[in-house]
Amino acid sequence: MRDASPASRPSFAEMFTPKLVTVLREGYDARALKDDAVAGLTVAIVAVPLCMAIAIASGLSPDRGLFTAIVGGFLISVFGGSRFQIGGPAGAFIVLVASVVERHGYDGLVLATLIAGIVMLAVGFLRLGTYIKYIPYPVTVGFTSGIAVIIFASQIRELLGLDIQGEPAALLPKLAAIWAALPTFRWQTMGIAALALATILLLRRFRPTWPGLLIAVALSALVALLLGLDVATIGTRFGGIPDRLPAPSLPEVSLAKVRAVLPDALAIAFLGSIESLLSALVADGMTGRRHRSNCELVAQGGANVAAVVFGGMPVTGTIARTATNVRAGARGPVSGILHALYILLFILFAAPLAAYVPLAALGAVLAIVSWNMAEREEFSALLRASPGDALVLLATFLLTVFEDLTTGIAVGVTLGAFLFLHRMAEAIEVDGGKPLVAKDEADGPAGARMPYPGASALDPDVVVYRISGAFFFGATASVIATLERIGRMPRAFILDFDNVPLVDATAAKSLERFAEKLIADGTIFVIAGARPAVRRNLLKAGLREPAIRYAATVDDARAIVAGTVR
């Protein structure tokens, strides 16, 4: 497909119509509502302990996570571009949010998230959401695995009951603080953590359809209460959770504060976009549906703004809860809406019960989450795939773990881009042909004149070359070097561009200089089969008629040469 037809592109309305509207237009009956109600309840049961655990691990109170799922999750389901997306606080944000809270406080996090939401709205409305798919897979696996390591490290304190004041967010200082505090471990806390872990794992093995996370947390709370164990709970550390949503509020905004949190805001927007679209892709793969990426980003942006206005934290699509939603039989976004309403009912009527939840049990929940996030098989496979992929993976992973998430992703994407460019440059060929030779082989016989198949039989003094592949700056030097080794200047030189999908400015300018040499020696230069977009770039670089001739095919080019000679 050479040029996309404007008529084939979706309209603005088609691109930004929420999937909820689409589902309702298709026909929504009582049976579908029942299926969504069951699925929403299933997801809410999973989400309640997760939301509290993620908020606590991020350096916030547990209610922040619940507010996020209620407000952000509701808006993502109402306005999002995925049928099955479940929005809420995500484990992937723990490292980033904890770092922002440590440096700027909760007000700084609110401001950063507000800016991030606005950025996501802009990215969505500018239709840039599709570009997220260009994030290399090794980068995704690298930063996800790195986050998993940091999440687990952040829960060692809760799992062992260590007495640590002001636990650092960075990994190495955190590990140093944990090591120094090891003598303060508590057997009772470790017992509750072991009970929660064992419950989750046993239920996953023997009763996979049961809500293992909620059962483990509830059982741990019951055991700790009945036995009177001296363990930290939500009540002892945070005083419980409120039984209502807070009134909307905004932090004080100044130019200095905006400048201070802007890098974090961009990181939240970037990570939120990646995480939400990956989650939508997972749902697509499970259901055979297709999400609207730009519509989804607009919903995510608005949800982030609303979530922190109502006392929450950054919100995004959550892969595990979205997959649970699909497996529970959801029919559309109504399940996500109901999931948010169920959590609202929880804080309205059952908030006092949360005070008895042991933090060690929530630590066990996040330990399981980090184990699931680690993507061990994918990590191992990428290490064996190729040196380039392994380099991108390890750079992203190590920088995420030991530096920060933003640096890890930025370096990984940059390395991935260079790796792709190198592979594209290696893939280009010059026909009739042998493949383009490497630079250190250019002086050998492979660099000699390579006539186009059949050309010499027609006219030994007409040389035809065919370039196959993307002709861009990474391949320019090798292609031009090969073309210049034609030996004696021919009477006519035809360059077949039929298999060239694109030409950038560097390649076009280099080709112009090569053409000038040929024309100066009296050679007729014809470019055949150039696609409209390719031809436009060549013309912009100075490859214009009548000095340069253009033809639709190689045969037409030969006819031009024959007519010129006569």
Protein backbone atom coordinates (compact mmCIF):
# COMPACT_ATOMS: atom_id res chain seq x y z
CA MET A 1 0.00 0.00 0.00
CA ARG A 2 1.84 3.05 -1.24
CA ASP A 3 -0.28 5.99 -0.15
CA ALA A 4 -3.13 5.92 2.34
CA SER A 5 -6.27 7.36 0.88
CA PRO A 6 -7.72 10.23 2.94
CA ALA A 7 -11.15 8.68 2.47
CA SER A 8 -9.97 5.54 4.30
CA ARG A 9 -8.96 7.44 7.42
CA PRO A 10 -11.47 7.58 10.30
CA SER A 11 -13.26 10.87 10.90
CA PHE A 12 -12.86 12.88 14.09
CA ALA A 13 -16.18 11.60 15.41
CA GLU A 14 -15.28 7.98 14.66
CA MET A 15 -11.89 8.34 16.31
CA PHE A 16 -13.15 9.93 19.53
CA THR A 17 -16.50 8.21 20.07
CA PRO A 18 -16.28 6.39 23.44
CA LYS A 19 -16.70 2.65 23.31
CA LEU A 20 -19.58 2.98 25.76
CA VAL A 21 -21.56 4.78 23.06
CA THR A 22 -20.63 2.10 20.52
CA VAL A 23 -21.77 -0.70 22.84
CA LEU A 24 -25.07 1.01 23.59
CA ARG A 25 -25.69 1.59 19.88
CA GLU A 26 -25.17 -2.10 19.19
CA GLY A 27 -27.93 -2.97 21.61
CA TYR A 28 -27.59 -3.45 25.35
CA ASP A 29 -30.05 -5.67 27.17
CA ALA A 30 -30.66 -6.99 30.67
CA ARG A 31 -28.48 -10.04 30.12
CA ALA A 32 -25.53 -7.87 29.14
CA LEU A 33 -26.11 -5.73 32.24
CA LYS A 34 -26.11 -8.83 34.42
CA ASP A 35 -22.84 -10.06 32.90
CA ASP A 36 -21.26 -6.64 33.40
CA ALA A 37 -22.53 -6.43 36.98
CA VAL A 38 -20.90 -9.77 37.84
CA ALA A 39 -17.66 -8.85 36.07
CA GLY A 40 -17.56 -5.43 37.73
CA LEU A 41 -18.02 -6.98 41.17
CA THR A 42 -15.28 -9.52 40.47
CA VAL A 43 -12.86 -6.77 39.48
CA ALA A 44 -13.81 -4.58 42.45
CA ILE A 45 -13.05 -7.44 44.86
CA VAL A 46 -9.58 -7.70 43.30
CA ALA A 47 -9.12 -3.94 43.12
CA VAL A 48 -9.87 -2.94 46.73
CA PRO A 49 -6.78 -4.51 48.37
CA LEU A 50 -4.62 -3.65 45.35
CA CYS A 51 -5.59 0.02 45.34
CA MET A 52 -4.80 0.39 49.03
CA ALA A 53 -1.52 -1.51 48.72
CA ILE A 54 -0.34 0.51 45.72
CA ALA A 55 -1.15 3.80 47.44
CA ILE A 56 0.72 2.82 50.60
CA ALA A 57 3.74 1.61 48.60
CA SER A 58 3.72 4.97 46.79
CA GLY A 59 4.12 6.86 50.05
CA LEU A 60 0.44 7.83 50.31
CA SER A 61 -2.47 6.86 52.54
CA PRO A 62 -4.60 3.90 51.36
CA ASP A 63 -7.67 6.01 50.65
CA ARG A 64 -5.80 7.80 47.83
CA GLY A 65 -5.78 4.56 45.87
CA LEU A 66 -9.48 3.96 46.42
CA PHE A 67 -10.40 7.51 45.39
CA THR A 68 -8.35 7.00 42.22
CA ALA A 69 -10.20 3.83 41.28
CA ILE A 70 -13.59 5.42 41.95
CA VAL A 71 -13.14 8.70 40.09
CA GLY A 72 -10.49 7.80 37.52
CA GLY A 73 -11.82 4.31 36.86
CA PHE A 74 -15.34 5.63 36.35
CA LEU A 75 -14.28 8.27 33.79
CA ILE A 76 -11.99 5.91 31.88
CA SER A 77 -14.87 3.47 31.40
CA VAL A 78 -17.34 6.20 30.43
CA PHE A 79 -15.15 8.07 27.94
CA GLY A 80 -12.44 5.54 27.00
CA GLY A 81 -11.69 3.93 23.67
CA SER A 82 -11.54 0.35 24.98
CA ARG A 83 -14.53 -1.86 25.76
CA PHE A 84 -12.87 -3.64 28.66
CA GLN A 85 -10.32 -1.26 30.16
CA ILE A 86 -10.30 -1.02 33.96
CA GLY A 87 -8.72 2.17 35.30
CA GLY A 88 -7.09 2.67 38.66
CA PRO A 89 -3.75 3.09 40.41
CA ALA A 90 -1.09 0.84 38.87
CA GLY A 91 1.95 -0.88 40.28
CA ALA A 92 4.02 0.58 37.46
CA PHE A 93 3.55 4.04 39.01
CA ILE A 94 4.78 3.14 42.49
CA VAL A 95 8.42 4.07 41.88
CA LEU A 96 7.61 7.32 40.10
CA VAL A 97 4.90 8.46 42.52
CA ALA A 98 7.02 7.64 45.58
CA SER A 99 9.87 9.68 44.15
CA VAL A 100 7.62 12.69 43.42
CA VAL A 101 6.03 12.56 46.88
CA GLU A 102 9.45 12.31 48.52
CA ARG A 103 10.76 15.39 46.67
CA HIS A 104 7.65 17.58 46.28
CA GLY A 105 5.03 16.27 48.70
CA TYR A 106 1.46 15.34 47.82
CA ASP A 107 0.68 18.80 46.45
CA GLY A 108 3.60 18.39 44.05
CA LEU A 109 2.19 15.05 42.92
CA VAL A 110 -1.22 16.64 42.34
CA LEU A 111 0.30 19.42 40.23
CA ALA A 112 2.46 16.98 38.25
CA THR A 113 -0.54 14.74 37.58
CA LEU A 114 -2.69 17.68 36.50
CA ILE A 115 -0.02 18.68 33.97
CA ALA A 116 0.33 15.05 32.88
CA GLY A 117 -3.41 14.82 32.31
CA ILE A 118 -3.37 17.93 30.16
CA VAL A 119 -0.44 16.52 28.17
CA MET A 120 -2.32 13.26 27.60
CA LEU A 121 -5.40 15.17 26.47
CA ALA A 122 -3.26 17.08 23.97
CA VAL A 123 -1.54 13.93 22.72
CA GLY A 124 -4.90 12.26 22.21
CA PHE A 125 -6.56 15.17 20.43
CA LEU A 126 -3.48 15.64 18.22
CA ARG A 127 -3.90 11.97 17.24
CA LEU A 128 -0.43 10.99 18.42
CA GLY A 129 -1.58 7.96 20.38
CA THR A 130 -0.65 5.55 17.62
CA TYR A 131 3.01 6.50 18.02
CA ILE A 132 3.13 4.78 21.40
CA LYS A 133 3.28 1.47 19.51
CA TYR A 134 6.80 2.37 18.42
CA ILE A 135 8.18 1.75 21.91
CA PRO A 136 10.50 -1.28 21.44
CA TYR A 137 9.42 -4.46 23.17
CA PRO A 138 12.77 -4.87 25.02
CA VAL A 139 12.20 -1.42 26.54
CA THR A 140 8.74 -2.42 27.78
CA VAL A 141 10.02 -5.66 29.30
CA GLY A 142 13.07 -3.89 30.74
CA PHE A 143 11.27 -1.14 32.62
CA THR A 144 8.43 -3.44 33.71
CA SER A 145 10.90 -5.93 35.19
CA GLY A 146 12.84 -3.11 36.79
CA ILE A 147 9.70 -1.74 38.41
CA ALA A 148 8.92 -5.24 39.70
CA VAL A 149 12.29 -5.39 41.46
CA ILE A 150 11.76 -1.99 43.09
CA ILE A 151 8.20 -2.83 44.17
CA PHE A 152 9.38 -5.99 45.90
CA ALA A 153 12.22 -4.12 47.61
CA SER A 154 9.72 -1.54 48.83
CA GLN A 155 7.68 -4.26 50.58
CA ILE A 156 10.52 -5.89 52.51
CA ARG A 157 9.91 -3.43 55.35
CA GLU A 158 6.24 -4.46 55.63
CA LEU A 159 6.88 -8.17 55.16
CA LEU A 160 9.47 -8.27 57.97
CA GLY A 161 7.98 -5.57 60.19
CA LEU A 162 11.15 -3.50 60.18
CA ASP A 163 11.40 -0.22 62.07
CA ILE A 164 12.53 2.25 59.37
CA GLN A 165 11.89 5.97 59.64
CA GLY A 166 11.81 7.83 56.32
CA GLU A 167 12.51 4.92 53.97
CA PRO A 168 14.33 6.23 50.85
CA ALA A 169 12.70 5.82 47.44
CA ALA A 170 15.94 5.00 45.55
CA LEU A 171 16.86 1.32 45.57
CA LEU A 172 20.43 1.33 46.89
CA PRO A 173 19.72 3.69 49.82
CA LYS A 174 16.56 1.67 50.50
CA LEU A 175 18.51 -1.59 50.66
CA ALA A 176 21.07 0.03 52.94
CA ALA A 177 18.29 1.20 55.27
CA ILE A 178 16.70 -2.28 55.24
CA TRP A 179 20.04 -3.92 56.05
CA ALA A 180 20.62 -1.57 58.97
CA ALA A 181 17.12 -2.25 60.30
CA LEU A 182 17.17 -6.06 60.03
CA PRO A 183 17.63 -6.57 63.79
CA THR A 184 14.23 -4.90 64.34
CA PHE A 185 12.24 -7.60 62.51
CA ARG A 186 9.04 -8.91 64.13
CA TRP A 187 8.08 -12.58 64.12
CA GLN A 188 4.37 -11.83 64.34
CA THR A 189 4.48 -9.57 61.28
CA MET A 190 6.44 -12.19 59.35
CA GLY A 191 3.86 -14.80 60.32
CA ILE A 192 0.98 -12.67 59.01
CA ALA A 193 2.89 -12.01 55.77
CA ALA A 194 3.58 -15.75 55.37
CA LEU A 195 -0.10 -16.54 56.00
CA ALA A 196 -1.20 -14.04 53.34
CA LEU A 197 1.34 -15.30 50.80
CA ALA A 198 0.44 -18.93 51.41
CA THR A 199 -3.29 -18.18 51.10
CA ILE A 200 -2.84 -16.37 47.79
CA LEU A 201 -0.64 -19.11 46.33
CA LEU A 202 -2.80 -21.99 47.52
CA LEU A 203 -6.00 -20.43 46.25
CA ARG A 204 -4.35 -19.65 42.93
CA ARG A 205 -3.33 -23.31 42.69
CA PHE A 206 -6.50 -25.04 43.88
CA ARG A 207 -9.27 -22.42 43.57
CA PRO A 208 -8.16 -20.06 40.80
CA THR A 209 -11.65 -18.58 40.36
CA TRP A 210 -11.84 -17.41 43.98
CA PRO A 211 -10.81 -13.82 44.90
CA GLY A 212 -7.50 -14.86 46.42
CA LEU A 213 -6.18 -11.38 47.20
CA LEU A 214 -9.26 -10.29 49.14
CA ILE A 215 -9.54 -13.61 50.98
CA ALA A 216 -5.87 -13.45 51.99
CA VAL A 217 -6.20 -9.90 53.30
CA ALA A 218 -9.45 -10.63 55.16
CA LEU A 219 -8.08 -13.86 56.68
CA SER A 220 -4.90 -12.11 57.80
CA ALA A 221 -6.90 -9.31 59.42
CA LEU A 222 -9.14 -11.83 61.21
CA VAL A 223 -6.20 -13.87 62.54
CA ALA A 224 -4.34 -10.77 63.71
CA LEU A 225 -7.46 -9.46 65.48
CA LEU A 226 -8.46 -12.74 67.16
CA LEU A 227 -4.93 -13.51 68.35
CA GLY A 228 -4.24 -9.94 69.38
CA LEU A 229 -1.04 -9.81 67.37
CA ASP A 230 1.16 -6.74 67.56
CA VAL A 231 1.27 -5.92 63.84
CA ALA A 232 0.98 -2.63 61.97
CA THR A 233 -2.42 -2.09 60.37
CA ILE A 234 -4.07 0.59 58.28
CA GLY A 235 -5.70 1.82 61.48
CA THR A 236 -2.50 2.06 63.54
CA ARG A 237 -0.51 3.82 60.82
CA PHE A 238 -3.12 5.85 58.94
CA GLY A 239 -6.09 5.98 61.31
CA GLY A 240 -8.31 4.08 58.86
CA ILE A 241 -9.93 5.41 55.72
CA PRO A 242 -12.71 8.00 55.34
CA ASP A 243 -16.26 6.91 54.56
CA ARG A 244 -16.84 9.45 51.78
CA LEU A 245 -15.17 11.08 48.83
CA PRO A 246 -13.33 14.31 49.63
CA ALA A 247 -14.46 17.65 48.26
CA PRO A 248 -12.63 18.67 45.07
CA SER A 249 -9.58 20.87 45.64
CA LEU A 250 -6.52 22.16 43.81
CA PRO A 251 -3.01 22.93 45.07
CA GLU A 252 -1.43 26.35 44.90
CA VAL A 253 0.12 26.85 41.48
CA SER A 254 3.15 28.97 40.68
CA LEU A 255 5.55 29.09 37.79
CA ALA A 256 8.37 27.86 40.00
CA LYS A 257 6.33 24.83 41.12
CA VAL A 258 5.33 24.04 37.56
CA ARG A 259 8.94 24.13 36.43
CA ALA A 260 9.98 21.94 39.36
CA VAL A 261 7.47 19.17 38.65
CA LEU A 262 7.40 19.40 34.84
CA PRO A 263 9.89 16.53 34.24
CA ASP A 264 7.86 14.32 36.58
CA ALA A 265 4.64 15.36 34.84
CA LEU A 266 6.03 14.33 31.46
CA ALA A 267 7.19 11.03 32.94
CA ILE A 268 3.70 10.38 34.39
CA ALA A 269 2.09 11.21 31.04
CA PHE A 270 4.51 8.98 29.14
CA LEU A 271 4.23 6.01 31.50
CA GLY A 272 0.47 6.40 31.79
CA SER A 273 0.08 6.43 28.01
CA ILE A 274 2.23 3.33 27.58
CA GLU A 275 0.58 1.41 30.40
CA SER A 276 -2.98 2.24 29.35
CA LEU A 277 -2.46 1.39 25.68
CA LEU A 278 -0.63 -1.83 26.54
CA SER A 279 -3.56 -2.77 28.74
CA ALA A 280 -5.98 -2.00 25.90
CA LEU A 281 -3.89 -4.14 23.56
CA VAL A 282 -4.02 -7.03 26.03
CA ALA A 283 -7.82 -6.74 26.09
CA ASP A 284 -7.87 -6.64 22.28
CA GLY A 285 -5.78 -9.81 22.13
CA MET A 286 -8.11 -11.61 24.54
CA THR A 287 -11.35 -10.56 22.82
CA GLY A 288 -10.52 -9.91 19.17
CA ARG A 289 -11.77 -6.33 19.48
CA ARG A 290 -9.91 -3.13 18.57
CA HIS A 291 -9.55 -0.12 20.85
CA ARG A 292 -9.35 3.55 19.80
CA SER A 293 -5.96 4.67 21.06
CA ASN A 294 -6.46 8.42 20.76
CA CYS A 295 -9.89 8.27 22.39
CA GLU A 296 -8.38 6.20 25.18
CA LEU A 297 -5.64 8.76 25.79
CA VAL A 298 -8.16 11.59 25.95
CA ALA A 299 -10.12 9.65 28.57
CA GLN A 300 -6.94 8.86 30.49
CA GLY A 301 -5.95 12.52 30.49
CA GLY A 302 -9.31 13.69 31.79
CA ALA A 303 -9.36 10.89 34.38
CA ASN A 304 -5.95 11.90 35.73
CA VAL A 305 -7.07 15.49 36.17
CA ALA A 306 -10.27 14.44 37.95
CA ALA A 307 -8.61 11.76 40.10
CA VAL A 308 -6.18 14.16 41.81
CA VAL A 309 -8.80 16.90 42.11
CA PHE A 310 -10.73 14.39 44.27
CA GLY A 311 -7.74 13.40 46.40
CA GLY A 312 -6.37 10.54 44.30
CA MET A 313 -3.12 9.74 42.50
CA PRO A 314 -2.16 9.03 38.87
CA VAL A 315 -4.59 6.67 37.15
CA THR A 316 -4.08 4.44 34.14
CA GLY A 317 -5.37 1.28 32.52
CA THR A 318 -4.41 -1.73 34.63
CA ILE A 319 -3.44 -4.88 32.78
CA ALA A 320 -4.23 -7.45 35.50
CA ARG A 321 -7.62 -5.96 36.40
CA THR A 322 -8.53 -5.51 32.74
CA ALA A 323 -7.67 -9.16 32.05
CA THR A 324 -9.75 -10.17 35.09
CA ASN A 325 -12.62 -8.14 33.70
CA VAL A 326 -12.46 -9.96 30.37
CA ARG A 327 -12.19 -13.40 31.99
CA ALA A 328 -15.16 -12.58 34.24
CA GLY A 329 -17.37 -12.22 31.18
CA ALA A 330 -17.66 -8.45 30.79
CA ARG A 331 -19.67 -7.25 27.80
CA GLY A 332 -18.52 -3.63 27.68
CA PRO A 333 -17.52 -0.50 29.63
CA VAL A 334 -20.50 -0.79 31.98
CA SER A 335 -18.52 -3.37 33.98
CA GLY A 336 -15.80 -0.79 34.58
CA ILE A 337 -18.37 1.81 35.63
CA LEU A 338 -19.93 -0.64 38.07
CA HIS A 339 -16.50 -1.63 39.40
CA ALA A 340 -15.95 2.02 40.39
CA LEU A 341 -19.41 2.22 42.00
CA TYR A 342 -18.81 -0.98 43.98
CA ILE A 343 -15.60 0.51 45.43
CA LEU A 344 -17.54 3.67 46.30
CA LEU A 345 -20.06 1.52 48.17
CA PHE A 346 -17.18 -0.14 50.02
CA ILE A 347 -15.89 3.15 51.44
CA LEU A 348 -19.43 4.36 52.19
CA PHE A 349 -20.47 1.29 54.18
CA ALA A 350 -17.38 -0.79 55.04
CA ALA A 351 -14.62 1.79 55.57
CA PRO A 352 -14.22 1.00 59.32
CA LEU A 353 -13.26 -2.59 58.47
CA ALA A 354 -10.23 -1.42 56.53
CA ALA A 355 -8.60 -0.23 59.75
CA TYR A 356 -7.97 -3.87 60.75
CA VAL A 357 -6.07 -4.79 57.57
CA PRO A 358 -2.43 -5.67 58.40
CA LEU A 359 0.15 -3.85 56.27
CA ALA A 360 2.07 -7.11 56.05
CA ALA A 361 -0.88 -8.65 54.19
CA LEU A 362 -0.89 -5.77 51.71
CA GLY A 363 2.86 -6.23 51.40
CA ALA A 364 2.23 -9.85 50.45
CA VAL A 365 -0.28 -8.71 47.82
CA LEU A 366 2.33 -6.42 46.24
CA ALA A 367 4.99 -9.13 46.46
CA ILE A 368 2.73 -11.29 44.29
CA VAL A 369 2.09 -8.33 41.98
CA SER A 370 5.82 -7.74 41.55
CA TRP A 371 6.41 -11.43 40.79
CA ASN A 372 3.72 -11.33 38.10
CA MET A 373 5.15 -8.10 36.64
CA ALA A 374 8.68 -9.47 36.32
CA GLU A 375 8.06 -11.09 32.89
CA ARG A 376 10.79 -13.65 33.56
CA GLU A 377 10.26 -15.75 30.44
CA GLU A 378 10.22 -12.71 28.14
CA PHE A 379 13.32 -11.32 29.85
CA SER A 380 15.21 -14.59 29.35
CA ALA A 381 14.07 -14.93 25.72
CA LEU A 382 15.20 -11.39 24.86
CA LEU A 383 18.60 -11.99 26.41
CA ARG A 384 19.03 -14.90 23.99
CA ALA A 385 17.42 -13.19 20.98
CA SER A 386 20.27 -10.96 19.77
CA PRO A 387 23.07 -8.84 21.25
CA GLY A 388 21.24 -5.66 20.26
CA ASP A 389 17.96 -6.61 21.95
CA ALA A 390 19.85 -7.80 25.02
CA LEU A 391 21.68 -4.46 25.23
CA VAL A 392 18.42 -2.47 25.03
CA LEU A 393 16.77 -4.74 27.61
CA LEU A 394 19.62 -4.61 30.13
CA ALA A 395 20.19 -0.87 29.73
CA THR A 396 16.52 -0.15 30.38
CA PHE A 397 16.31 -2.62 33.27
CA LEU A 398 19.48 -1.52 35.08
CA LEU A 399 18.83 2.20 34.66
CA THR A 400 15.25 1.77 35.90
CA VAL A 401 16.46 -0.12 38.97
CA PHE A 402 19.54 1.92 39.87
CA GLU A 403 18.84 5.37 38.38
CA ASP A 404 15.21 6.19 37.61
CA LEU A 405 12.37 5.13 35.36
CA THR A 406 12.52 8.15 33.06
CA THR A 407 16.22 7.69 32.31
CA GLY A 408 15.75 3.97 31.75
CA ILE A 409 12.97 4.45 29.22
CA ALA A 410 14.73 7.34 27.44
CA VAL A 411 18.01 5.44 27.04
CA GLY A 412 16.21 2.24 26.06
CA VAL A 413 14.14 3.95 23.37
CA THR A 414 17.23 5.73 22.01
CA LEU A 415 19.25 2.52 21.86
CA GLY A 416 16.30 0.72 20.29
CA ALA A 417 16.00 3.41 17.63
CA PHE A 418 19.69 3.17 16.75
CA LEU A 419 19.42 -0.62 16.62
CA PHE A 420 16.46 -0.37 14.26
CA LEU A 421 18.27 2.12 12.01
CA HIS A 422 21.30 -0.15 11.87
CA ARG A 423 19.15 -3.12 10.90
CA MET A 424 17.35 -1.09 8.24
CA ALA A 425 20.65 0.08 6.82
CA GLU A 426 21.90 -3.50 6.70
CA ALA A 427 18.72 -4.66 4.96
CA ILE A 428 18.94 -2.36 1.91
CA GLU A 429 20.16 -4.02 -1.30
CA VAL A 430 21.44 -2.93 -4.67
CA ASP A 431 20.44 -5.24 -7.51
CA GLY A 432 21.48 -6.81 -10.39
CA GLY A 433 22.73 -8.03 -8.48
CA LYS A 434 24.41 -8.63 -5.36
CA PRO A 435 23.48 -7.26 -1.97
CA LEU A 436 25.07 -4.09 -0.77
CA VAL A 437 28.54 -4.89 0.55
CA ALA A 438 29.83 -3.81 3.92
CA LYS A 439 32.22 -0.90 4.00
CA ASP A 440 35.27 -3.02 4.74
CA GLU A 441 34.42 -5.27 1.77
CA ALA A 442 33.85 -2.43 -0.67
CA ASP A 443 37.26 -2.69 -2.33
CA GLY A 444 36.79 -6.30 -3.40
CA PRO A 445 35.14 -7.78 -6.50
CA ALA A 446 31.67 -7.31 -4.92
CA GLY A 447 32.05 -3.59 -5.42
CA ALA A 448 32.50 -3.93 -9.17
CA ARG A 449 29.90 -3.04 -11.78
CA MET A 450 26.63 -4.90 -11.12
CA PRO A 451 24.41 -4.74 -14.22
CA TYR A 452 20.64 -5.09 -13.85
CA PRO A 453 19.42 -8.56 -14.92
CA GLY A 454 18.95 -8.62 -18.70
CA ALA A 455 20.22 -5.08 -19.24
CA SER A 456 23.54 -6.01 -20.79
CA ALA A 457 21.80 -8.18 -23.38
CA LEU A 458 19.79 -5.17 -24.54
CA ASP A 459 22.53 -2.57 -24.48
CA PRO A 460 25.90 -3.07 -22.80
CA ASP A 461 26.30 0.69 -22.46
CA VAL A 462 23.09 1.20 -20.46
CA VAL A 463 23.51 0.42 -16.78
CA VAL A 464 20.43 -0.29 -14.65
CA TYR A 465 20.58 -0.53 -10.86
CA ARG A 466 17.71 -1.43 -8.56
CA ILE A 467 17.65 -0.28 -4.93
CA SER A 468 15.47 -2.33 -2.57
CA GLY A 469 14.65 -1.03 0.88
CA ALA A 470 14.37 2.23 2.78
CA PHE A 471 16.89 4.71 1.36
CA PHE A 472 17.70 6.86 4.38
CA PHE A 473 20.67 8.46 6.10
CA GLY A 474 21.80 5.22 7.73
CA ALA A 475 22.19 3.48 4.37
CA THR A 476 23.21 6.47 2.24
CA ALA A 477 26.99 6.13 2.45
CA SER A 478 26.99 2.43 1.53
CA VAL A 479 24.52 2.83 -1.35
CA ILE A 480 26.30 5.79 -2.90
CA ALA A 481 29.68 4.08 -2.50
CA THR A 482 28.35 1.05 -4.36
CA LEU A 483 26.85 3.14 -7.14
CA GLU A 484 30.07 5.08 -7.61
CA ARG A 485 32.04 1.90 -8.28
CA ILE A 486 30.54 1.45 -11.72
CA GLY A 487 33.91 1.90 -13.39
CA ARG A 488 33.70 3.53 -16.81
CA MET A 489 30.87 6.05 -17.04
CA PRO A 490 28.04 4.52 -19.10
CA ARG A 491 26.14 6.29 -21.84
CA ALA A 492 22.95 6.00 -19.73
CA PHE A 493 22.28 5.20 -16.10
CA ILE A 494 18.83 4.01 -14.98
CA LEU A 495 18.04 3.79 -11.26
CA ASP A 496 15.05 1.55 -10.46
CA PHE A 497 13.25 2.91 -7.39
CA ASP A 498 10.21 0.63 -7.58
CA ASN A 499 11.15 -1.16 -4.32
CA VAL A 500 12.10 1.97 -2.39
CA PRO A 501 9.30 2.88 0.08
CA LEU A 502 10.91 6.07 1.34
CA VAL A 503 13.79 8.48 0.78
CA ASP A 504 14.92 11.00 3.37
CA ALA A 505 16.64 14.35 2.78
CA THR A 506 20.15 12.97 3.42
CA ALA A 507 19.79 10.19 0.88
CA ALA A 508 18.14 12.44 -1.70
CA LYS A 509 20.88 15.08 -1.42
CA SER A 510 23.62 12.47 -1.74
CA LEU A 511 21.90 11.05 -4.80
CA GLU A 512 21.75 14.53 -6.31
CA ARG A 513 25.53 14.92 -5.96
CA PHE A 514 26.03 11.50 -7.56
CA ALA A 515 23.70 12.47 -10.41
CA GLU A 516 25.66 15.69 -10.99
CA LYS A 517 28.85 13.68 -11.53
CA LEU A 518 27.15 11.44 -14.07
CA ILE A 519 25.59 14.35 -15.96
CA ALA A 520 28.91 16.22 -15.99
CA ASP A 521 30.42 13.23 -17.83
CA GLY A 522 27.56 13.22 -20.37
CA THR A 523 25.62 10.30 -18.89
CA ILE A 524 21.84 10.26 -19.24
CA PHE A 525 20.33 9.79 -15.76
CA VAL A 526 16.81 8.33 -15.41
CA ILE A 527 14.93 7.40 -12.23
CA ALA A 528 12.28 4.73 -12.78
CA GLY A 529 9.33 3.63 -10.66
CA ALA A 530 9.60 6.28 -7.94
CA ARG A 531 6.47 6.47 -5.81
CA PRO A 532 4.74 9.86 -5.53
CA ALA A 533 6.03 10.57 -2.00
CA VAL A 534 9.54 9.43 -2.92
CA ARG A 535 9.51 11.52 -6.09
CA ARG A 536 8.45 14.61 -4.13
CA ASN A 537 11.43 14.23 -1.81
CA LEU A 538 13.80 13.76 -4.76
CA LEU A 539 12.44 16.89 -6.45
CA LYS A 540 12.88 18.89 -3.24
CA ALA A 541 16.52 17.82 -3.12
CA GLY A 542 17.15 19.20 -6.62
CA LEU A 543 16.71 16.10 -8.76
CA ARG A 544 14.54 17.90 -11.29
CA GLU A 545 13.84 17.59 -14.97
CA PRO A 546 15.16 18.11 -17.57
CA ALA A 547 18.58 17.34 -16.06
CA ILE A 548 17.07 14.26 -14.42
CA ARG A 549 14.44 12.23 -16.22
CA TYR A 550 11.64 10.26 -14.54
CA ALA A 551 9.89 7.17 -15.88
CA ALA A 552 7.12 4.92 -14.61
CA THR A 553 9.01 1.68 -15.31
CA VAL A 554 12.46 0.51 -16.33
CA ASP A 555 11.13 -0.25 -19.84
CA ASP A 556 9.85 3.34 -20.11
CA ALA A 557 13.25 4.54 -18.95
CA ARG A 558 14.97 2.53 -21.71
CA ALA A 559 12.61 4.07 -24.21
CA ILE A 560 13.56 7.53 -22.94
CA VAL A 561 17.24 6.66 -23.29
CA ALA A 562 16.73 5.33 -26.82
CA GLY A 563 14.79 8.46 -27.84
CA THR A 564 17.41 10.77 -26.36
CA VAL A 565 20.23 9.07 -28.23
CA ARG A 566 18.40 9.30 -31.55
